[in-house]
Every structure is written in structure tokens, then in C-alpha cells.
Protein backbone atom coordinates (compact mmCIF):
# COMPACT_ATOMS: atom_id res chain seq x y z
CA MET A 1 21.16 -35.90 23.47
CA ASP A 2 21.63 -32.82 25.64
CA GLN A 3 22.62 -30.95 22.29
CA PRO A 4 19.31 -31.21 20.41
CA ARG A 5 17.65 -30.40 23.28
CA SER A 6 19.99 -26.88 23.96
CA ARG A 7 19.17 -26.24 20.24
CA THR A 8 15.93 -26.14 20.20
CA LEU A 9 15.71 -23.81 23.93
CA ASN A 10 18.01 -21.51 21.77
CA ARG A 11 15.42 -21.11 19.32
CA ALA A 12 12.36 -20.84 21.38
CA SER A 13 14.17 -17.84 23.11
CA GLU A 14 14.78 -15.83 20.15
CA LYS A 15 12.56 -12.79 19.76
CA ILE A 16 10.16 -13.08 16.84
CA LYS A 17 9.96 -10.19 14.78
CA GLU A 18 6.89 -8.16 13.66
CA PRO A 19 6.49 -7.78 10.33
CA GLU A 20 7.02 -4.37 8.50
CA ASP A 21 4.36 -1.99 7.66
CA TYR A 22 4.37 -0.15 4.23
CA ARG A 23 2.52 2.18 2.57
CA VAL A 24 0.99 2.60 -0.37
CA ILE A 25 1.35 5.92 -1.69
CA LEU A 26 -0.27 7.26 -5.17
CA LEU A 27 1.59 10.10 -7.10
CA ASN A 28 0.17 13.41 -8.69
CA ASP A 29 0.27 13.40 -12.61
CA HIS A 30 -1.78 15.72 -14.70
CA TYR A 31 -3.26 13.56 -17.16
CA THR A 32 -5.69 10.95 -14.59
CA THR A 33 -8.58 12.27 -13.66
CA MET A 34 -9.39 13.12 -10.13
CA GLU A 35 -12.65 11.02 -10.79
CA PHE A 36 -10.62 7.96 -11.53
CA VAL A 37 -8.48 8.22 -8.64
CA VAL A 38 -11.32 8.14 -6.21
CA GLU A 39 -12.78 5.16 -8.15
CA ILE A 40 -9.37 3.52 -7.05
CA LEU A 41 -9.93 4.35 -3.67
CA ILE A 42 -13.20 3.44 -3.35
CA VAL A 43 -13.21 0.27 -5.08
CA ILE A 44 -9.28 -1.41 -4.45
CA PHE A 45 -8.53 0.73 -0.80
CA HIS A 46 -12.42 0.44 0.37
CA LYS A 47 -12.76 4.11 1.42
CA GLU A 48 -15.54 5.89 2.11
CA ILE A 49 -16.60 8.88 -0.60
CA GLU A 50 -15.61 11.70 1.69
CA GLU A 51 -12.09 9.87 2.89
CA ALA A 52 -11.79 9.03 -0.96
CA ASN A 53 -12.06 12.51 -1.63
CA ARG A 54 -9.89 13.84 0.88
CA ILE A 55 -7.28 11.36 -0.08
CA MET A 56 -7.64 12.39 -3.81
CA LEU A 57 -6.97 16.54 -2.88
CA ASP A 58 -4.04 15.63 -1.06
CA ILE A 59 -2.64 13.97 -4.20
CA HIS A 60 -3.47 16.40 -6.51
CA HIS A 61 -2.39 19.63 -3.82
CA LYS A 62 0.63 18.19 -2.32
CA GLY A 63 1.71 15.87 -5.43
CA LYS A 64 1.29 12.69 -3.43
CA GLY A 65 -1.11 11.02 -0.75
CA ILE A 66 -0.56 7.94 1.87
CA VAL A 67 -3.42 5.79 0.56
CA GLY A 68 -2.92 3.01 3.70
CA THR A 69 -0.20 1.24 5.71
CA TYR A 70 -0.15 -2.99 5.24
CA SER A 71 1.91 -5.49 5.38
CA TRP A 72 4.27 -6.10 2.53
CA ASP A 73 2.60 -8.91 0.44
CA ILE A 74 -1.25 -6.47 0.79
CA ALA A 75 0.61 -3.55 -0.40
CA GLU A 76 2.18 -4.60 -3.51
CA THR A 77 -0.96 -6.59 -4.67
CA LYS A 78 -2.83 -3.41 -4.25
CA ALA A 79 -0.22 -1.36 -5.77
CA GLU A 80 -0.54 -3.84 -8.80
CA GLN A 81 -4.12 -3.71 -8.91
CA VAL A 82 -3.64 0.36 -8.70
CA ARG A 83 -1.44 -0.27 -11.89
CA ALA A 84 -3.31 -2.92 -13.74
CA ALA A 85 -6.50 -0.16 -13.16
CA ALA A 86 -4.93 2.36 -14.29
CA LYS A 87 -3.12 0.87 -17.44
CA ALA A 88 -6.29 -0.74 -18.63
CA ASN A 89 -8.04 2.82 -18.56
CA ASP A 90 -5.08 4.57 -20.41
CA PHE A 91 -3.92 6.52 -17.24
CA PRO A 92 -0.25 6.99 -15.84
CA LEU A 93 -1.38 6.84 -12.20
CA ARG A 94 1.97 5.86 -10.38
CA CYS A 95 1.63 3.71 -6.94
CA ILE A 96 4.46 3.02 -4.94
CA VAL A 97 4.72 1.11 -1.70
CA GLU A 98 7.35 2.15 0.91
CA PRO A 99 8.57 0.99 4.07
CA VAL A 100 7.17 3.13 7.37
């Protein structure tokens, strides 16, 4: 009987690890329009127009831009939404997810 209790105590004393955060990053290309990128930022990432324009210009000038930081499942879902929208609109826009 003592053994199950000690197992419970050992489990209770283990530290619970916080979930890791992941960055969603859009990569620049020479074909996707700036307007489409801004639309993606507003619709998928819920950015205000001013912030969407700032991020779009970062992507354009620096080659890539961090769109947001999320838990793994949300980051992957948003990246897949970007890929699907880009494909549906015949744009080669690339979106990657990487750990913070």
C-alpha cells in the first residue's frame, strides 16, 4: 500500500513544463502582392491595418517577418491557413514555424 502512495507523491512533485512558443514567419518572394500579404495578416492573424502594413514592409525589405508567437498547434494551424490561401490565389507565399 505504501508504494502506490509514493508513486503519487513522486508524480506530484514533478515539475510541469510550460508549453513552448513558436514563431510564425512569412518569407518574401517576388510574386506575392503586398496587398495579399496585408490581407493575410488581417484575416488570419487579426492584425490592424497599420500593424499589417508594418509587418508586410518588414517582410518586403528584410526578406522575412515575424507575424506572431503562438503555441505549437495554433502556429501550425495559422501556417496551414496561409499556405492554403496562397495556393488558392496562385501565390508562392511561404510560411514557416520555428521555436522561439
